[in-house]
C-alpha atoms as a PDB file:
ATOM      1  CA  MET A   1       0.028   0.039   0.014  1.00  0.00           C
ATOM      2  CA  THR A   2       1.353   3.378  -1.037  1.00  0.00           C
ATOM      3  CA  PHE A   3       1.641   6.278   1.472  1.00  0.00           C
ATOM      4  CA  GLY A   4      -1.075   8.244  -0.220  1.00  0.00           C
ATOM      5  CA  THR A   5      -3.497   5.308  -0.065  1.00  0.00           C
ATOM      6  CA  LYS A   6      -2.632   4.687   3.595  1.00  0.00           C
ATOM      7  CA  LEU A   7      -3.275   8.477   4.401  1.00  0.00           C
ATOM      8  CA  PHE A   8      -6.369   8.639   2.409  1.00  0.00           C
ATOM      9  CA  THR A   9      -7.855   5.464   4.018  1.00  0.00           C
ATOM     10  CA  TRP A  10      -6.794   6.799   7.565  1.00  0.00           C
ATOM     11  CA  LEU A  11      -8.362  10.183   6.925  1.00  0.00           C
ATOM     12  CA  ARG A  12     -11.509   9.426   4.916  1.00  0.00           C
ATOM     13  CA  GLY A  13     -12.098   5.666   5.229  1.00  0.00           C
ATOM     14  CA  GLU A  14     -14.508   3.719   7.305  1.00  0.00           C
ATOM     15  CA  GLN A  15     -13.853  -0.049   7.343  1.00  0.00           C
ATOM     16  CA  VAL A  16     -17.019  -2.104   6.636  1.00  0.00           C
ATOM     17  CA  GLY A  17     -15.480  -5.442   6.602  1.00  0.00           C
ATOM     18  CA  SER A  18     -12.948  -7.945   5.706  1.00  0.00           C
ATOM     19  CA  ASP A  19     -12.745 -11.256   3.751  1.00  0.00           C
ATOM     20  CA  ARG A  20     -11.210 -14.731   4.377  1.00  0.00           C
ATOM     21  CA  GLU A  21      -7.898 -13.604   2.706  1.00  0.00           C
ATOM     22  CA  GLY A  22      -7.529 -10.645   5.094  1.00  0.00           C
ATOM     23  CA  ASN A  23      -8.443  -8.005   2.448  1.00  0.00           C
ATOM     24  CA  ARG A  24     -10.173  -5.094   4.149  1.00  0.00           C
ATOM     25  CA  TYR A  25     -12.959  -2.973   2.680  1.00  0.00           C
ATOM     26  CA  PHE A  26     -13.674   0.647   3.119  1.00  0.00           C
ATOM     27  CA  GLN A  27     -16.142   3.316   2.159  1.00  0.00           C
ATOM     28  CA  ASP A  28     -15.992   7.136   2.463  1.00  0.00           C
ATOM     29  CA  LYS A  29     -17.048   8.506   5.861  1.00  0.00           C
ATOM     30  CA  ARG A  30     -18.631  11.629   4.051  1.00  0.00           C
ATOM     31  CA  VAL A  31     -22.123  11.355   2.695  1.00  0.00           C
ATOM     32  CA  VAL A  32     -22.717  13.849  -0.158  1.00  0.00           C
ATOM     33  CA  ALA A  33     -26.136  14.349  -1.298  1.00  0.00           C
ATOM     34  CA  GLY A  34     -26.799  13.003  -4.665  1.00  0.00           C
ATOM     35  CA  ARG A  35     -23.528  11.197  -4.802  1.00  0.00           C
ATOM     36  CA  ARG A  36     -22.513   7.542  -3.933  1.00  0.00           C
ATOM     37  CA  ARG A  37     -20.063   6.895  -1.254  1.00  0.00           C
ATOM     38  CA  ARG A  38     -16.456   5.930  -2.715  1.00  0.00           C
ATOM     39  CA  ARG A  39     -15.644   2.199  -1.939  1.00  0.00           C
ATOM     40  CA  TRP A  40     -12.235   0.524  -1.928  1.00  0.00           C
ATOM     41  CA  VAL A  41     -10.231  -2.414  -0.934  1.00  0.00           C
ATOM     42  CA  VAL A  42      -6.830  -2.627   0.920  1.00  0.00           C
ATOM     43  CA  TYR A  43      -5.244  -5.954   0.008  1.00  0.00           C
ATOM     44  CA  LYS A  44      -3.308  -8.001   2.387  1.00  0.00           C
ATOM     45  CA  GLY A  45      -0.167  -8.908   0.700  1.00  0.00           C
ATOM     46  CA  GLU A  46       0.122  -8.657  -3.106  1.00  0.00           C
ATOM     47  CA  THR A  47      -2.320  -6.407  -4.997  1.00  0.00           C
ATOM     48  CA  GLU A  48      -4.242  -8.652  -7.347  1.00  0.00           C
ATOM     49  CA  ALA A  49      -7.877  -7.852  -8.236  1.00  0.00           C
ATOM     50  CA  SER A  50      -8.650 -11.582  -8.825  1.00  0.00           C
ATOM     51  CA  ARG A  51      -8.281 -12.151  -4.975  1.00  0.00           C
ATOM     52  CA  VAL A  52     -11.603 -10.173  -4.304  1.00  0.00           C
ATOM     53  CA  PRO A  53     -14.372 -12.716  -3.718  1.00  0.00           C
ATOM     54  CA  PRO A  54     -17.577 -12.392  -5.883  1.00  0.00           C
ATOM     55  CA  ASP A  55     -19.675 -11.179  -2.863  1.00  0.00           C
ATOM     56  CA  TRP A  56     -17.262  -8.403  -2.041  1.00  0.00           C
ATOM     57  CA  HIS A  57     -16.842  -7.645  -5.773  1.00  0.00           C
ATOM     58  CA  GLY A  58     -20.665  -7.021  -6.038  1.00  0.00           C
ATOM     59  CA  TRP A  59     -20.467  -4.573  -3.125  1.00  0.00           C
ATOM     60  CA  LEU A  60     -17.448  -2.760  -4.399  1.00  0.00           C
ATOM     61  CA  HIS A  61     -19.153  -2.220  -7.792  1.00  0.00           C
ATOM     62  CA  TYR A  62     -22.554  -1.163  -6.394  1.00  0.00           C
ATOM     63  CA  THR A  63     -24.320  -4.277  -7.610  1.00  0.00           C
ATOM     64  CA  THR A  64     -25.561  -4.586  -4.073  1.00  0.00           C
ATOM     65  CA  ASP A  65     -25.457  -2.210  -0.980  1.00  0.00           C
ATOM     66  CA  GLN A  66     -25.630  -5.122   1.530  1.00  0.00           C
ATOM     67  CA  VAL A  67     -22.196  -5.791   2.970  1.00  0.00           C
ATOM     68  CA  PRO A  68     -21.427  -9.532   2.688  1.00  0.00           C
ATOM     69  CA  PRO A  69     -21.658 -11.519   6.084  1.00  0.00           C
ATOM     70  CA  ALA A  70     -18.351 -12.117   8.163  1.00  0.00           C
ATOM     71  CA  GLY A  71     -17.825 -15.576   6.733  1.00  0.00           C
ATOM     72  CA  GLY A  72     -18.801 -14.762   3.195  1.00  0.00           C
ATOM     73  CA  LEU A  73     -21.752 -16.026   1.276  1.00  0.00           C
ATOM     74  CA  PRO A  74     -22.296 -19.762   1.355  1.00  0.00           C
ATOM     75  CA  ARG A  75     -20.340 -21.542  -1.354  1.00  0.00           C
ATOM     76  CA  LYS A  76     -21.668 -23.882  -3.855  1.00  0.00           C
ATOM     77  CA  SER A  77     -20.316 -27.390  -4.309  1.00  0.00           C
ATOM     78  CA  TRP A  78     -19.169 -26.628  -7.847  1.00  0.00           C
ATOM     79  CA  GLN A  79     -17.284 -23.350  -6.924  1.00  0.00           C
ATOM     80  CA  LYS A  80     -13.504 -23.776  -6.887  1.00  0.00           C
ATOM     81  CA  GLU A  81     -11.033 -22.200  -4.405  1.00  0.00           C
ATOM     82  CA  HIS A  82      -9.085 -19.045  -5.689  1.00  0.00           C
ATOM     83  CA  GLN A  83      -6.157 -19.669  -7.921  1.00  0.00           C
ATOM     84  CA  ALA A  84      -3.623 -16.955  -8.439  1.00  0.00           C
ATOM     85  CA  ASN A  85      -3.265 -15.229 -11.859  1.00  0.00           C
ATOM     86  CA  LEU A  86      -0.270 -17.145 -13.369  1.00  0.00           C
ATOM     87  CA  THR A  87       0.117 -14.989 -16.504  1.00  0.00           C
ATOM     88  CA  GLY A  88       3.801 -14.149 -17.102  1.00  0.00           C
ATOM     89  CA  SER A  89       5.058 -16.745 -14.655  1.00  0.00           C
ATOM     90  CA  ASP A  90       6.615 -20.190 -15.344  1.00  0.00           C
ATOM     91  CA  ARG A  91       3.497 -21.885 -14.362  1.00  0.00           C
ATOM     92  CA  ALA A  92       1.429 -19.941 -16.933  1.00  0.00           C
ATOM     93  CA  TYR A  93      -0.962 -21.979 -19.222  1.00  0.00           C
ATOM     94  CA  ARG A  94       0.681 -22.839 -22.600  1.00  0.00           C
ATOM     95  CA  PRO A  95      -1.272 -24.755 -25.139  1.00  0.00           C
ATOM     96  CA  ALA A  96       0.029 -27.677 -27.007  1.00  0.00           C
ATOM     97  CA  GLY A  97       2.480 -26.609 -29.653  1.00  0.00           C
ATOM     98  CA  HIS A  98       3.532 -23.532 -27.872  1.00  0.00           C
ATOM     99  CA  ALA A  99       7.296 -22.963 -28.189  1.00  0.00           C
ATOM    100  CA  LEU A 100       7.679 -22.875 -24.392  1.00  0.00           C
ATOM    101  CA  ALA A 101       5.107 -25.639 -23.626  1.00  0.00           C
ATOM    102  CA  GLN A 102       6.383 -28.400 -21.363  1.00  0.00           C
ATOM    103  CA  GLY A 103       6.343 -31.996 -22.432  1.00  0.00           C
ATOM    104  CA  GLY A 104       8.519 -31.844 -25.434  1.00  0.00           C
ATOM    105  CA  GLU A 105       5.653 -31.598 -27.980  1.00  0.00           C
ATOM    106  CA  LYS A 106       6.785 -30.093 -31.244  1.00  0.00           C
ATOM    107  CA  PRO A 107       4.841 -27.132 -32.834  1.00  0.00           C
ATOM    108  CA  LYS A 108       2.593 -27.951 -35.792  1.00  0.00           C
ATOM    109  CA  ALA A 109       3.834 -27.517 -39.261  1.00  0.00           C
ATOM    110  CA  PRO A 110       3.390 -24.175 -40.816  1.00  0.00           C
ATOM    111  CA  TYR A 111       0.099 -23.478 -42.586  1.00  0.00           C
ATOM    112  CA  GLU A 112      -0.090 -24.727 -46.114  1.00  0.00           C
ATOM    113  CA  ALA A 113      -2.391 -22.585 -48.402  1.00  0.00           C
ATOM    114  CA  TRP A 114      -4.849 -24.322 -50.723  1.00  0.00           C
ATOM    115  CA  LYS A 115      -3.818 -24.251 -54.400  1.00  0.00           C
ATOM    116  CA  PRO A 116      -6.523 -24.520 -57.116  1.00  0.00           C
ATOM    117  CA  GLU A 117      -5.848 -26.926 -59.852  1.00  0.00           C
END
């Protein structure tokens, strides 16, 4: 967290809750007639937007005005646990045929154009 964010949060922020990962959610203390209160998140650890759970995402983007319960909304059996965004890392997804793909699979032959007879 930058110094500016820390100062802004300390002066103008009112904490409304936190999630399982330790991220804290704030809204502006001031209420201005005709305007929505500003909302933001202070991440615990690395700043990565994909770490915001869906229930808090809805609150941050004004989809709902109800703050999610302390333990979060009940999870469905088909929902997976969070997986970090691996783009740009050694563990990033690379499809078969990619030059950096693991497994030794060779890339496909170059495209051969159709030739009329």
